[in-house]
Amino acid sequence: MINKGLALHFLERYTDAISCYDLILKQRPESTTTLYFKASSLIKDKNIQSGLDVLRKAVKLNPSLR
C-alpha cells in the first residue's frame, strides 16, 4: 500500500496518496515513514499546516528524525 501511495504522489495525485497513507495509519498509527510520506503529500497539496502537524507527530514518535 505504501508503494501505491508513493506512486500516486509522484503522479501528483496527492489526495489519493493521502488516502492510501491514512489506510496504512489506521493499521499502524506509529509508522513514522508513512507519516513522513503523508506530510509530504499534504504539503505538495498546499495543506502546509496539516503537513507540518503530521511531521511534528512523526518527530515526536521518533526524535532521531530531526
N, C-alpha and C. Protein backbone atom coordinates (compact mmCIF):
# COMPACT_ATOMS: atom_id res chain seq x y z
N MET A 1 0.83 -1.20 0.00
CA MET A 1 0.00 0.00 0.00
C MET A 1 0.87 1.26 0.00
N ILE A 2 2.02 1.20 0.70
CA ILE A 2 2.88 2.40 0.73
C ILE A 2 3.40 2.71 -0.67
N ASN A 3 3.70 1.65 -1.45
CA ASN A 3 4.17 1.88 -2.82
C ASN A 3 3.10 2.53 -3.68
N LYS A 4 1.85 2.15 -3.44
CA LYS A 4 0.75 2.78 -4.18
C LYS A 4 0.67 4.26 -3.82
N GLY A 5 0.79 4.57 -2.53
CA GLY A 5 0.78 5.97 -2.10
C GLY A 5 1.90 6.76 -2.73
N LEU A 6 3.08 6.17 -2.77
CA LEU A 6 4.23 6.86 -3.38
C LEU A 6 4.01 7.08 -4.87
N ALA A 7 3.48 6.06 -5.55
CA ALA A 7 3.21 6.20 -6.98
C ALA A 7 2.21 7.32 -7.24
N LEU A 8 1.15 7.36 -6.44
CA LEU A 8 0.15 8.41 -6.59
C LEU A 8 0.76 9.79 -6.31
N HIS A 9 1.63 9.85 -5.32
CA HIS A 9 2.30 11.13 -5.01
C HIS A 9 3.10 11.61 -6.23
N PHE A 10 3.88 10.70 -6.81
CA PHE A 10 4.72 11.10 -7.94
C PHE A 10 3.91 11.39 -9.20
N LEU A 11 2.67 10.90 -9.24
CA LEU A 11 1.75 11.26 -10.32
C LEU A 11 0.99 12.54 -10.01
N GLU A 12 1.35 13.16 -8.88
CA GLU A 12 0.73 14.40 -8.40
C GLU A 12 -0.74 14.22 -8.05
N ARG A 13 -1.10 13.02 -7.66
CA ARG A 13 -2.45 12.72 -7.18
C ARG A 13 -2.39 12.68 -5.65
N TYR A 14 -2.14 13.83 -5.08
CA TYR A 14 -1.83 13.94 -3.65
C TYR A 14 -2.99 13.49 -2.76
N THR A 15 -4.21 13.85 -3.11
CA THR A 15 -5.36 13.47 -2.29
C THR A 15 -5.49 11.95 -2.24
N ASP A 16 -5.29 11.29 -3.38
CA ASP A 16 -5.35 9.83 -3.41
C ASP A 16 -4.20 9.22 -2.61
N ALA A 17 -3.03 9.81 -2.71
CA ALA A 17 -1.88 9.33 -1.93
C ALA A 17 -2.16 9.43 -0.44
N ILE A 18 -2.71 10.56 -0.03
CA ILE A 18 -3.03 10.78 1.39
C ILE A 18 -4.03 9.73 1.86
N SER A 19 -5.00 9.39 1.03
CA SER A 19 -5.97 8.35 1.39
C SER A 19 -5.28 7.01 1.61
N CYS A 20 -4.31 6.68 0.77
CA CYS A 20 -3.55 5.44 0.95
C CYS A 20 -2.80 5.46 2.28
N TYR A 21 -2.15 6.57 2.55
CA TYR A 21 -1.40 6.67 3.80
C TYR A 21 -2.32 6.58 5.00
N ASP A 22 -3.51 7.16 4.90
CA ASP A 22 -4.47 7.08 6.01
C ASP A 22 -4.89 5.63 6.28
N LEU A 23 -5.05 4.85 5.23
CA LEU A 23 -5.39 3.43 5.41
C LEU A 23 -4.28 2.70 6.16
N ILE A 24 -3.05 2.98 5.79
CA ILE A 24 -1.91 2.37 6.48
C ILE A 24 -1.88 2.80 7.94
N LEU A 25 -2.10 4.08 8.17
CA LEU A 25 -2.01 4.61 9.53
C LEU A 25 -3.13 4.09 10.43
N LYS A 26 -4.23 3.65 9.87
CA LYS A 26 -5.28 3.02 10.69
C LYS A 26 -4.76 1.72 11.29
N GLN A 27 -3.93 1.01 10.53
CA GLN A 27 -3.36 -0.26 11.00
C GLN A 27 -2.08 -0.04 11.82
N ARG A 28 -1.30 0.96 11.42
CA ARG A 28 -0.01 1.21 12.07
C ARG A 28 0.13 2.71 12.35
N PRO A 29 -0.57 3.21 13.36
CA PRO A 29 -0.59 4.66 13.62
C PRO A 29 0.76 5.27 13.99
N GLU A 30 1.72 4.43 14.35
CA GLU A 30 3.03 4.95 14.73
C GLU A 30 4.07 4.76 13.64
N SER A 31 3.64 4.51 12.43
CA SER A 31 4.57 4.35 11.31
C SER A 31 5.11 5.72 10.89
N THR A 32 6.30 6.02 11.35
CA THR A 32 6.87 7.34 11.06
C THR A 32 7.17 7.51 9.57
N THR A 33 7.49 6.42 8.90
CA THR A 33 7.72 6.50 7.46
C THR A 33 6.44 6.94 6.74
N THR A 34 5.34 6.32 7.10
CA THR A 34 4.05 6.68 6.49
C THR A 34 3.66 8.10 6.84
N LEU A 35 3.89 8.49 8.09
CA LEU A 35 3.60 9.87 8.49
C LEU A 35 4.41 10.86 7.66
N TYR A 36 5.68 10.55 7.44
CA TYR A 36 6.54 11.42 6.64
C TYR A 36 5.99 11.57 5.21
N PHE A 37 5.65 10.44 4.60
CA PHE A 37 5.13 10.49 3.23
C PHE A 37 3.79 11.22 3.17
N LYS A 38 2.95 11.01 4.18
CA LYS A 38 1.67 11.73 4.22
C LYS A 38 1.92 13.23 4.33
N ALA A 39 2.84 13.62 5.19
CA ALA A 39 3.16 15.04 5.34
C ALA A 39 3.65 15.63 4.02
N SER A 40 4.48 14.89 3.33
CA SER A 40 4.99 15.36 2.04
C SER A 40 3.85 15.59 1.04
N SER A 41 2.91 14.67 0.98
CA SER A 41 1.77 14.82 0.07
C SER A 41 0.88 15.98 0.50
N LEU A 42 0.67 16.13 1.80
CA LEU A 42 -0.13 17.25 2.28
C LEU A 42 0.49 18.59 1.89
N ILE A 43 1.79 18.70 2.07
CA ILE A 43 2.48 19.95 1.76
C ILE A 43 2.43 20.23 0.25
N LYS A 44 2.66 19.20 -0.56
CA LYS A 44 2.59 19.38 -2.02
C LYS A 44 1.18 19.77 -2.47
N ASP A 45 0.17 19.35 -1.69
CA ASP A 45 -1.23 19.65 -2.00
C ASP A 45 -1.66 20.98 -1.37
N LYS A 46 -0.68 21.76 -0.91
CA LYS A 46 -0.91 23.10 -0.36
C LYS A 46 -1.58 23.09 1.02
N ASN A 47 -1.56 21.95 1.69
CA ASN A 47 -2.05 21.86 3.07
C ASN A 47 -0.85 21.94 4.01
N ILE A 48 -0.20 23.09 4.00
CA ILE A 48 1.08 23.27 4.69
C ILE A 48 0.95 22.99 6.18
N GLN A 49 -0.02 23.61 6.83
CA GLN A 49 -0.13 23.46 8.28
C GLN A 49 -0.41 22.01 8.67
N SER A 50 -1.28 21.36 7.95
CA SER A 50 -1.57 19.95 8.23
C SER A 50 -0.32 19.09 8.03
N GLY A 51 0.42 19.38 6.98
CA GLY A 51 1.66 18.66 6.73
C GLY A 51 2.67 18.85 7.85
N LEU A 52 2.79 20.08 8.32
CA LEU A 52 3.72 20.34 9.43
C LEU A 52 3.26 19.64 10.71
N ASP A 53 1.97 19.61 10.94
CA ASP A 53 1.44 18.91 12.12
C ASP A 53 1.78 17.42 12.07
N VAL A 54 1.64 16.83 10.89
CA VAL A 54 1.95 15.41 10.73
C VAL A 54 3.45 15.17 10.91
N LEU A 55 4.27 16.07 10.39
CA LEU A 55 5.72 15.95 10.59
C LEU A 55 6.08 16.04 12.07
N ARG A 56 5.44 16.94 12.79
CA ARG A 56 5.70 17.06 14.23
C ARG A 56 5.35 15.77 14.95
N LYS A 57 4.25 15.16 14.55
CA LYS A 57 3.85 13.89 15.16
C LYS A 57 4.91 12.82 14.90
N ALA A 58 5.43 12.76 13.68
CA ALA A 58 6.46 11.78 13.34
C ALA A 58 7.71 12.00 14.18
N VAL A 59 8.12 13.25 14.33
CA VAL A 59 9.33 13.55 15.12
C VAL A 59 9.10 13.24 16.59
N LYS A 60 7.89 13.49 17.06
CA LYS A 60 7.57 13.17 18.46
C LYS A 60 7.69 11.66 18.70
N LEU A 61 7.24 10.87 17.73
CA LEU A 61 7.34 9.41 17.85
C LEU A 61 8.78 8.92 17.69
N ASN A 62 9.56 9.62 16.88
CA ASN A 62 10.94 9.21 16.61
C ASN A 62 11.82 10.45 16.53
N PRO A 63 12.35 10.91 17.67
CA PRO A 63 13.15 12.14 17.70
C PRO A 63 14.38 12.11 16.80
N SER A 64 14.84 10.94 16.39
CA SER A 64 16.01 10.89 15.51
C SER A 64 15.71 11.41 14.11
N LEU A 65 14.44 11.67 13.81
CA LEU A 65 14.07 12.23 12.51
C LEU A 65 14.39 13.70 12.37
N ARG A 66 14.76 14.34 13.45
CA ARG A 66 15.04 15.78 13.40
C ARG A 66 16.10 16.12 12.44
